[in-house]
Amino acid sequence: MLISTKGRYALRVMIDLCEHDTGEYVPLKEVAQRQEISEKYLESIIAVLVKAGYLNGLRGKGGGYRLARRPERYTVKSILELTEGSLAPVACLEHEPNTCGRMAECKTLPMWRKFADITNRFFEGITLADLSANSCDRDNYSI
């Protein structure tokens, strides 16, 4: 399995918006500069995240993007599946039910299923809050 730049950049964008969450919308240009990602490429990634309801966007003065829900409600798995599609290590596991004609005699299928399960559980267990330097919680402070 190879995670593309689209998936990796989507994670970076989501972490950036989490870490710069002041309750205001964050301009795309600022995110692009901080993450050193082309603004044009970032637009295509942001569009996917907005369409799926992961981000809220606002056009015009004071516009930009922000998380649509709490950081702990986003898993790495959900973000990667949104941007990458299936995380299946082999094509026959991309769709359920598996319709591969060789499924009954395939000696490697159990191994691939186990690998997919381990991968899915691993990415499902990591949230956006876990990846953030400040846990994205502006109400969490110490005196």
N, C-alpha and C. Protein backbone atom coordinates (compact mmCIF):
# COMPACT_ATOMS: atom_id res chain seq x y z
N MET A 1 0.85 -1.17 0.00
CA MET A 1 0.00 0.00 0.00
C MET A 1 0.90 1.24 0.00
N LEU A 2 0.56 2.16 -0.87
CA LEU A 2 1.30 3.41 -0.96
C LEU A 2 0.31 4.55 -0.83
N ILE A 3 0.47 5.36 0.21
CA ILE A 3 -0.40 6.51 0.41
C ILE A 3 0.12 7.64 -0.47
N SER A 4 -0.76 8.19 -1.29
CA SER A 4 -0.36 9.24 -2.24
C SER A 4 -0.17 10.58 -1.54
N THR A 5 0.33 11.55 -2.30
CA THR A 5 0.47 12.90 -1.75
C THR A 5 -0.89 13.46 -1.36
N LYS A 6 -1.92 13.09 -2.09
CA LYS A 6 -3.26 13.60 -1.76
C LYS A 6 -3.66 13.19 -0.34
N GLY A 7 -3.46 11.95 0.01
CA GLY A 7 -3.78 11.48 1.35
C GLY A 7 -2.88 12.09 2.41
N ARG A 8 -1.59 12.15 2.13
CA ARG A 8 -0.65 12.73 3.09
C ARG A 8 -0.91 14.22 3.29
N TYR A 9 -1.17 14.93 2.21
CA TYR A 9 -1.45 16.36 2.31
C TYR A 9 -2.78 16.62 3.01
N ALA A 10 -3.76 15.78 2.79
CA ALA A 10 -5.04 15.94 3.48
C ALA A 10 -4.83 15.85 4.99
N LEU A 11 -4.02 14.91 5.43
CA LEU A 11 -3.72 14.81 6.86
C LEU A 11 -3.01 16.06 7.36
N ARG A 12 -2.03 16.55 6.59
CA ARG A 12 -1.30 17.76 6.98
C ARG A 12 -2.23 18.96 7.08
N VAL A 13 -3.14 19.09 6.13
CA VAL A 13 -4.10 20.21 6.14
C VAL A 13 -5.00 20.13 7.36
N MET A 14 -5.53 18.95 7.62
CA MET A 14 -6.42 18.78 8.76
C MET A 14 -5.70 19.07 10.08
N ILE A 15 -4.46 18.62 10.21
CA ILE A 15 -3.67 18.90 11.41
C ILE A 15 -3.41 20.40 11.52
N ASP A 16 -3.06 21.04 10.41
CA ASP A 16 -2.80 22.48 10.40
C ASP A 16 -4.04 23.25 10.86
N LEU A 17 -5.19 22.92 10.32
CA LEU A 17 -6.43 23.61 10.70
C LEU A 17 -6.76 23.35 12.16
N CYS A 18 -6.46 22.17 12.63
CA CYS A 18 -6.67 21.83 14.03
C CYS A 18 -5.76 22.69 14.92
N GLU A 19 -4.50 22.76 14.59
CA GLU A 19 -3.53 23.49 15.41
C GLU A 19 -3.69 25.00 15.33
N HIS A 20 -4.35 25.49 14.31
CA HIS A 20 -4.55 26.94 14.16
C HIS A 20 -6.02 27.32 14.35
N ASP A 21 -6.72 26.48 15.10
CA ASP A 21 -8.14 26.71 15.35
C ASP A 21 -8.32 27.76 16.44
N THR A 22 -8.83 28.91 16.04
CA THR A 22 -9.17 29.98 16.99
C THR A 22 -10.67 30.22 16.98
N GLY A 23 -11.38 29.39 16.23
CA GLY A 23 -12.81 29.59 16.05
C GLY A 23 -13.11 30.37 14.79
N GLU A 24 -12.10 30.98 14.21
CA GLU A 24 -12.25 31.75 12.98
C GLU A 24 -11.89 30.86 11.79
N TYR A 25 -12.27 31.30 10.62
CA TYR A 25 -11.90 30.58 9.39
C TYR A 25 -10.44 30.90 9.07
N VAL A 26 -9.71 29.87 8.63
CA VAL A 26 -8.29 30.01 8.29
C VAL A 26 -8.17 30.10 6.78
N PRO A 27 -7.57 31.18 6.26
CA PRO A 27 -7.42 31.32 4.81
C PRO A 27 -6.58 30.19 4.21
N LEU A 28 -7.00 29.72 3.05
CA LEU A 28 -6.31 28.66 2.34
C LEU A 28 -4.86 29.04 2.07
N LYS A 29 -4.64 30.28 1.74
CA LYS A 29 -3.29 30.76 1.44
C LYS A 29 -2.34 30.55 2.62
N GLU A 30 -2.82 30.79 3.83
CA GLU A 30 -1.99 30.60 5.03
C GLU A 30 -1.63 29.13 5.22
N VAL A 31 -2.60 28.26 5.04
CA VAL A 31 -2.36 26.82 5.18
C VAL A 31 -1.34 26.38 4.13
N ALA A 32 -1.53 26.82 2.90
CA ALA A 32 -0.62 26.45 1.80
C ALA A 32 0.81 26.90 2.11
N GLN A 33 0.96 28.11 2.64
CA GLN A 33 2.30 28.61 2.96
C GLN A 33 2.94 27.82 4.09
N ARG A 34 2.19 27.60 5.15
CA ARG A 34 2.74 26.86 6.29
C ARG A 34 3.12 25.43 5.92
N GLN A 35 2.31 24.80 5.09
CA GLN A 35 2.53 23.41 4.73
C GLN A 35 3.39 23.23 3.48
N GLU A 36 3.73 24.34 2.84
CA GLU A 36 4.53 24.31 1.62
C GLU A 36 3.90 23.39 0.57
N ILE A 37 2.60 23.61 0.38
CA ILE A 37 1.83 22.88 -0.61
C ILE A 37 1.26 23.89 -1.58
N SER A 38 1.30 23.59 -2.86
CA SER A 38 0.73 24.47 -3.87
C SER A 38 -0.72 24.78 -3.52
N GLU A 39 -1.06 26.07 -3.57
CA GLU A 39 -2.43 26.48 -3.26
C GLU A 39 -3.43 25.83 -4.23
N LYS A 40 -3.03 25.70 -5.48
CA LYS A 40 -3.90 25.09 -6.50
C LYS A 40 -4.17 23.62 -6.16
N TYR A 41 -3.13 22.88 -5.79
CA TYR A 41 -3.30 21.48 -5.44
C TYR A 41 -4.12 21.35 -4.15
N LEU A 42 -3.87 22.24 -3.22
CA LEU A 42 -4.60 22.24 -1.96
C LEU A 42 -6.09 22.48 -2.18
N GLU A 43 -6.44 23.30 -3.16
CA GLU A 43 -7.86 23.56 -3.47
C GLU A 43 -8.60 22.26 -3.80
N SER A 44 -7.95 21.38 -4.55
CA SER A 44 -8.60 20.12 -4.92
C SER A 44 -8.78 19.21 -3.72
N ILE A 45 -7.84 19.23 -2.80
CA ILE A 45 -7.94 18.42 -1.59
C ILE A 45 -9.01 18.98 -0.67
N ILE A 46 -9.00 20.29 -0.50
CA ILE A 46 -9.99 20.96 0.36
C ILE A 46 -11.40 20.70 -0.16
N ALA A 47 -11.58 20.72 -1.47
CA ALA A 47 -12.90 20.50 -2.06
C ALA A 47 -13.46 19.14 -1.64
N VAL A 48 -12.63 18.13 -1.63
CA VAL A 48 -13.06 16.79 -1.21
C VAL A 48 -13.44 16.80 0.27
N LEU A 49 -12.65 17.47 1.09
CA LEU A 49 -12.90 17.52 2.53
C LEU A 49 -14.17 18.30 2.87
N VAL A 50 -14.42 19.38 2.12
CA VAL A 50 -15.63 20.17 2.33
C VAL A 50 -16.86 19.38 1.89
N LYS A 51 -16.77 18.77 0.72
CA LYS A 51 -17.91 18.00 0.18
C LYS A 51 -18.33 16.88 1.13
N ALA A 52 -17.36 16.28 1.80
CA ALA A 52 -17.63 15.19 2.72
C ALA A 52 -18.08 15.68 4.11
N GLY A 53 -18.05 16.99 4.32
CA GLY A 53 -18.48 17.54 5.60
C GLY A 53 -17.39 17.53 6.66
N TYR A 54 -16.15 17.32 6.26
CA TYR A 54 -15.04 17.32 7.21
C TYR A 54 -14.62 18.74 7.56
N LEU A 55 -14.79 19.65 6.60
CA LEU A 55 -14.45 21.06 6.80
C LEU A 55 -15.64 21.93 6.45
N ASN A 56 -15.69 23.10 7.08
CA ASN A 56 -16.63 24.14 6.69
C ASN A 56 -15.84 25.22 5.98
N GLY A 57 -16.39 25.75 4.92
CA GLY A 57 -15.72 26.80 4.17
C GLY A 57 -16.58 28.05 4.12
N LEU A 58 -15.91 29.20 4.03
CA LEU A 58 -16.59 30.49 3.92
C LEU A 58 -15.83 31.32 2.89
N ARG A 59 -16.56 31.84 1.91
CA ARG A 59 -15.95 32.66 0.87
C ARG A 59 -15.95 34.13 1.29
N GLY A 60 -15.08 34.88 0.66
CA GLY A 60 -15.07 36.33 0.88
C GLY A 60 -14.17 36.75 2.03
N LYS A 61 -14.32 38.03 2.40
CA LYS A 61 -13.50 38.61 3.46
C LYS A 61 -13.75 37.85 4.76
N GLY A 62 -12.67 37.47 5.42
CA GLY A 62 -12.78 36.68 6.64
C GLY A 62 -13.04 35.22 6.38
N GLY A 63 -12.98 34.85 5.12
CA GLY A 63 -13.27 33.47 4.74
C GLY A 63 -12.08 32.56 4.89
N GLY A 64 -12.34 31.30 4.63
CA GLY A 64 -11.31 30.29 4.73
C GLY A 64 -11.98 28.97 5.10
N TYR A 65 -11.26 28.20 5.90
CA TYR A 65 -11.74 26.86 6.26
C TYR A 65 -11.50 26.59 7.73
N ARG A 66 -12.34 25.71 8.26
CA ARG A 66 -12.15 25.24 9.64
C ARG A 66 -12.79 23.86 9.77
N LEU A 67 -12.39 23.16 10.82
CA LEU A 67 -12.92 21.83 11.06
C LEU A 67 -14.43 21.91 11.31
N ALA A 68 -15.15 20.92 10.82
CA ALA A 68 -16.60 20.87 10.99
C ALA A 68 -17.00 20.22 12.32
N ARG A 69 -16.07 19.48 12.93
CA ARG A 69 -16.38 18.84 14.21
C ARG A 69 -15.12 18.75 15.05
N ARG A 70 -15.25 18.22 16.24
CA ARG A 70 -14.14 18.12 17.17
C ARG A 70 -13.03 17.22 16.60
N PRO A 71 -11.77 17.55 16.85
CA PRO A 71 -10.63 16.80 16.30
C PRO A 71 -10.63 15.31 16.65
N GLU A 72 -11.12 14.96 17.81
CA GLU A 72 -11.12 13.55 18.19
C GLU A 72 -12.16 12.74 17.43
N ARG A 73 -13.00 13.40 16.66
CA ARG A 73 -14.03 12.71 15.86
C ARG A 73 -13.53 12.34 14.46
N TYR A 74 -12.32 12.76 14.12
CA TYR A 74 -11.72 12.40 12.83
C TYR A 74 -10.65 11.35 13.06
N THR A 75 -10.73 10.25 12.33
CA THR A 75 -9.65 9.25 12.42
C THR A 75 -8.79 9.35 11.16
N VAL A 76 -7.56 8.92 11.31
CA VAL A 76 -6.66 8.87 10.15
C VAL A 76 -7.29 7.98 9.08
N LYS A 77 -7.89 6.88 9.49
CA LYS A 77 -8.53 5.97 8.53
C LYS A 77 -9.61 6.69 7.72
N SER A 78 -10.45 7.45 8.37
CA SER A 78 -11.53 8.12 7.64
C SER A 78 -11.00 9.16 6.65
N ILE A 79 -9.97 9.87 7.05
CA ILE A 79 -9.38 10.88 6.16
C ILE A 79 -8.70 10.21 4.97
N LEU A 80 -7.94 9.16 5.24
CA LEU A 80 -7.26 8.46 4.14
C LEU A 80 -8.25 7.77 3.20
N GLU A 81 -9.29 7.15 3.73
CA GLU A 81 -10.29 6.51 2.86
C GLU A 81 -11.00 7.54 2.00
N LEU A 82 -11.22 8.72 2.56
CA LEU A 82 -11.88 9.77 1.79
C LEU A 82 -11.01 10.22 0.62
N THR A 83 -9.73 10.36 0.85
CA THR A 83 -8.84 10.89 -0.18
C THR A 83 -8.19 9.81 -1.05
N GLU A 84 -8.01 8.63 -0.49
CA GLU A 84 -7.33 7.55 -1.22
C GLU A 84 -8.29 6.54 -1.81
N GLY A 85 -9.48 6.47 -1.27
CA GLY A 85 -10.38 5.38 -1.61
C GLY A 85 -10.10 4.23 -0.67
N SER A 86 -10.15 3.05 -1.15
CA SER A 86 -9.93 1.87 -0.32
C SER A 86 -8.49 1.80 0.17
N LEU A 87 -8.32 1.30 1.38
CA LEU A 87 -6.97 1.05 1.91
C LEU A 87 -6.59 -0.42 1.76
N ALA A 88 -7.37 -1.15 1.00
CA ALA A 88 -7.12 -2.58 0.81
C ALA A 88 -5.75 -2.80 0.16
N PRO A 89 -5.00 -3.78 0.65
CA PRO A 89 -3.67 -4.04 0.10
C PRO A 89 -3.70 -4.75 -1.25
N VAL A 90 -4.82 -5.41 -1.58
CA VAL A 90 -4.97 -6.10 -2.86
C VAL A 90 -6.35 -5.80 -3.43
N ALA A 91 -6.46 -5.83 -4.73
CA ALA A 91 -7.70 -5.46 -5.41
C ALA A 91 -8.91 -6.29 -4.98
N CYS A 92 -8.70 -7.58 -4.71
CA CYS A 92 -9.85 -8.43 -4.39
C CYS A 92 -10.50 -8.06 -3.06
N LEU A 93 -9.84 -7.29 -2.23
CA LEU A 93 -10.42 -6.88 -0.95
C LEU A 93 -11.01 -5.48 -0.99
N GLU A 94 -11.00 -4.85 -2.15
CA GLU A 94 -11.51 -3.48 -2.26
C GLU A 94 -13.02 -3.40 -2.11
N HIS A 95 -13.72 -4.47 -2.46
CA HIS A 95 -15.19 -4.45 -2.41
C HIS A 95 -15.71 -5.66 -1.66
N GLU A 96 -16.78 -5.45 -0.93
CA GLU A 96 -17.46 -6.55 -0.25
C GLU A 96 -18.80 -6.76 -0.91
N PRO A 97 -19.18 -7.95 -1.20
CA PRO A 97 -18.41 -9.17 -0.96
C PRO A 97 -17.30 -9.34 -1.99
N ASN A 98 -16.31 -10.09 -1.61
CA ASN A 98 -15.20 -10.41 -2.50
C ASN A 98 -15.73 -11.32 -3.60
N THR A 99 -15.58 -10.90 -4.84
CA THR A 99 -16.10 -11.68 -5.97
C THR A 99 -15.01 -12.35 -6.80
N CYS A 100 -13.83 -12.44 -6.24
CA CYS A 100 -12.72 -13.06 -6.96
C CYS A 100 -13.03 -14.52 -7.24
N GLY A 101 -12.82 -14.94 -8.47
CA GLY A 101 -13.07 -16.31 -8.87
C GLY A 101 -12.12 -17.31 -8.23
N ARG A 102 -11.00 -16.84 -7.74
CA ARG A 102 -10.01 -17.73 -7.12
C ARG A 102 -10.10 -17.74 -5.60
N MET A 103 -11.08 -17.05 -5.06
CA MET A 103 -11.17 -16.88 -3.61
C MET A 103 -11.13 -18.21 -2.85
N ALA A 104 -11.83 -19.22 -3.31
CA ALA A 104 -11.92 -20.50 -2.60
C ALA A 104 -10.57 -21.20 -2.48
N GLU A 105 -9.73 -21.07 -3.49
CA GLU A 105 -8.44 -21.78 -3.44
C GLU A 105 -7.24 -20.85 -3.21
N CYS A 106 -7.49 -19.59 -2.97
CA CYS A 106 -6.39 -18.63 -2.79
C CYS A 106 -5.69 -18.85 -1.44
N LYS A 107 -4.43 -19.18 -1.50
CA LYS A 107 -3.63 -19.44 -0.30
C LYS A 107 -3.21 -18.15 0.41
N THR A 108 -3.21 -17.04 -0.31
CA THR A 108 -2.74 -15.79 0.29
C THR A 108 -3.87 -14.90 0.81
N LEU A 109 -5.11 -15.19 0.45
CA LEU A 109 -6.23 -14.34 0.86
C LEU A 109 -6.32 -14.16 2.38
N PRO A 110 -6.18 -15.20 3.19
CA PRO A 110 -6.24 -14.99 4.64
C PRO A 110 -5.16 -14.02 5.14
N MET A 111 -3.97 -14.11 4.55
CA MET A 111 -2.89 -13.20 4.93
C MET A 111 -3.26 -11.76 4.58
N TRP A 112 -3.78 -11.53 3.37
CA TRP A 112 -4.16 -10.18 2.95
C TRP A 112 -5.29 -9.63 3.81
N ARG A 113 -6.24 -10.49 4.15
CA ARG A 113 -7.35 -10.06 5.02
C ARG A 113 -6.82 -9.62 6.39
N LYS A 114 -5.91 -10.41 6.93
CA LYS A 114 -5.35 -10.08 8.24
C LYS A 114 -4.56 -8.77 8.17
N PHE A 115 -3.78 -8.61 7.11
CA PHE A 115 -3.02 -7.37 6.93
C PHE A 115 -3.96 -6.17 6.83
N ALA A 116 -5.04 -6.30 6.06
CA ALA A 116 -6.01 -5.22 5.91
C ALA A 116 -6.66 -4.89 7.25
N ASP A 117 -6.98 -5.92 8.01
CA ASP A 117 -7.60 -5.71 9.33
C ASP A 117 -6.65 -4.97 10.27
N ILE A 118 -5.39 -5.39 10.29
CA ILE A 118 -4.40 -4.72 11.14
C ILE A 118 -4.24 -3.26 10.73
N THR A 119 -4.14 -3.01 9.44
CA THR A 119 -3.99 -1.65 8.93
C THR A 119 -5.19 -0.79 9.28
N ASN A 120 -6.38 -1.32 9.05
CA ASN A 120 -7.59 -0.56 9.34
C ASN A 120 -7.72 -0.25 10.82
N ARG A 121 -7.47 -1.23 11.67
CA ARG A 121 -7.54 -0.98 13.12
C ARG A 121 -6.49 0.02 13.57
N PHE A 122 -5.29 -0.05 12.99
CA PHE A 122 -4.23 0.89 13.34
C PHE A 122 -4.65 2.33 13.01
N PHE A 123 -5.08 2.57 11.77
CA PHE A 123 -5.46 3.92 11.36
C PHE A 123 -6.75 4.38 12.03
N GLU A 124 -7.64 3.47 12.36
CA GLU A 124 -8.88 3.83 13.06
C GLU A 124 -8.58 4.28 14.49
N GLY A 125 -7.48 3.80 15.04
CA GLY A 125 -7.11 4.13 16.43
C GLY A 125 -6.36 5.43 16.60
N ILE A 126 -6.12 6.16 15.53
CA ILE A 126 -5.39 7.43 15.62
C ILE A 126 -6.33 8.54 15.17
N THR A 127 -6.50 9.54 16.03
CA THR A 127 -7.38 10.66 15.69
C THR A 127 -6.56 11.89 15.32
N LEU A 128 -7.24 12.85 14.77
CA LEU A 128 -6.62 14.13 14.44
C LEU A 128 -6.06 14.78 15.70
N ALA A 129 -6.78 14.67 16.80
CA ALA A 129 -6.30 15.22 18.07
C ALA A 129 -5.00 14.54 18.49
N ASP A 130 -4.87 13.24 18.25
CA ASP A 130 -3.64 12.52 18.60
C ASP A 130 -2.44 13.05 17.83
N LEU A 131 -2.66 13.46 16.59
CA LEU A 131 -1.56 13.91 15.73
C LEU A 131 -1.17 15.37 15.95
N SER A 132 -2.01 16.10 16.61
CA SER A 132 -1.78 17.53 16.80
C SER A 132 -0.84 17.79 17.97
N ALA A 133 0.01 18.79 17.80
CA ALA A 133 0.96 19.17 18.85
C ALA A 133 0.25 19.69 20.09
N ASN A 134 -0.88 20.36 19.91
CA ASN A 134 -1.57 20.96 21.06
C ASN A 134 -2.93 20.33 21.30
N SER A 135 -3.16 19.14 20.75
CA SER A 135 -4.43 18.42 20.87
C SER A 135 -5.60 19.22 20.35
N CYS A 136 -5.36 20.31 19.66
CA CYS A 136 -6.40 21.09 19.00
C CYS A 136 -7.49 21.55 19.95
N ASP A 137 -7.21 21.67 21.19
CA ASP A 137 -8.24 22.02 22.16
C ASP A 137 -7.96 23.38 22.74
N ARG A 138 -8.63 24.39 22.22
CA ARG A 138 -8.38 25.75 22.70
C ARG A 138 -8.94 25.98 24.10
N ASP A 139 -9.79 25.07 24.60
CA ASP A 139 -10.31 25.20 25.96
C ASP A 139 -9.42 24.48 26.97
N ASN A 140 -8.38 23.81 26.48
CA ASN A 140 -7.49 23.04 27.34
C ASN A 140 -6.26 23.88 27.65
N TYR A 141 -6.20 24.43 28.85
CA TYR A 141 -5.06 25.26 29.20
C TYR A 141 -4.69 25.06 30.66
N SER A 142 -3.47 25.44 30.99
CA SER A 142 -2.97 25.34 32.36
C SER A 142 -2.55 26.71 32.85
N ILE A 143 -2.68 26.91 34.14
CA ILE A 143 -2.25 28.19 34.74
C ILE A 143 -1.09 27.91 35.66
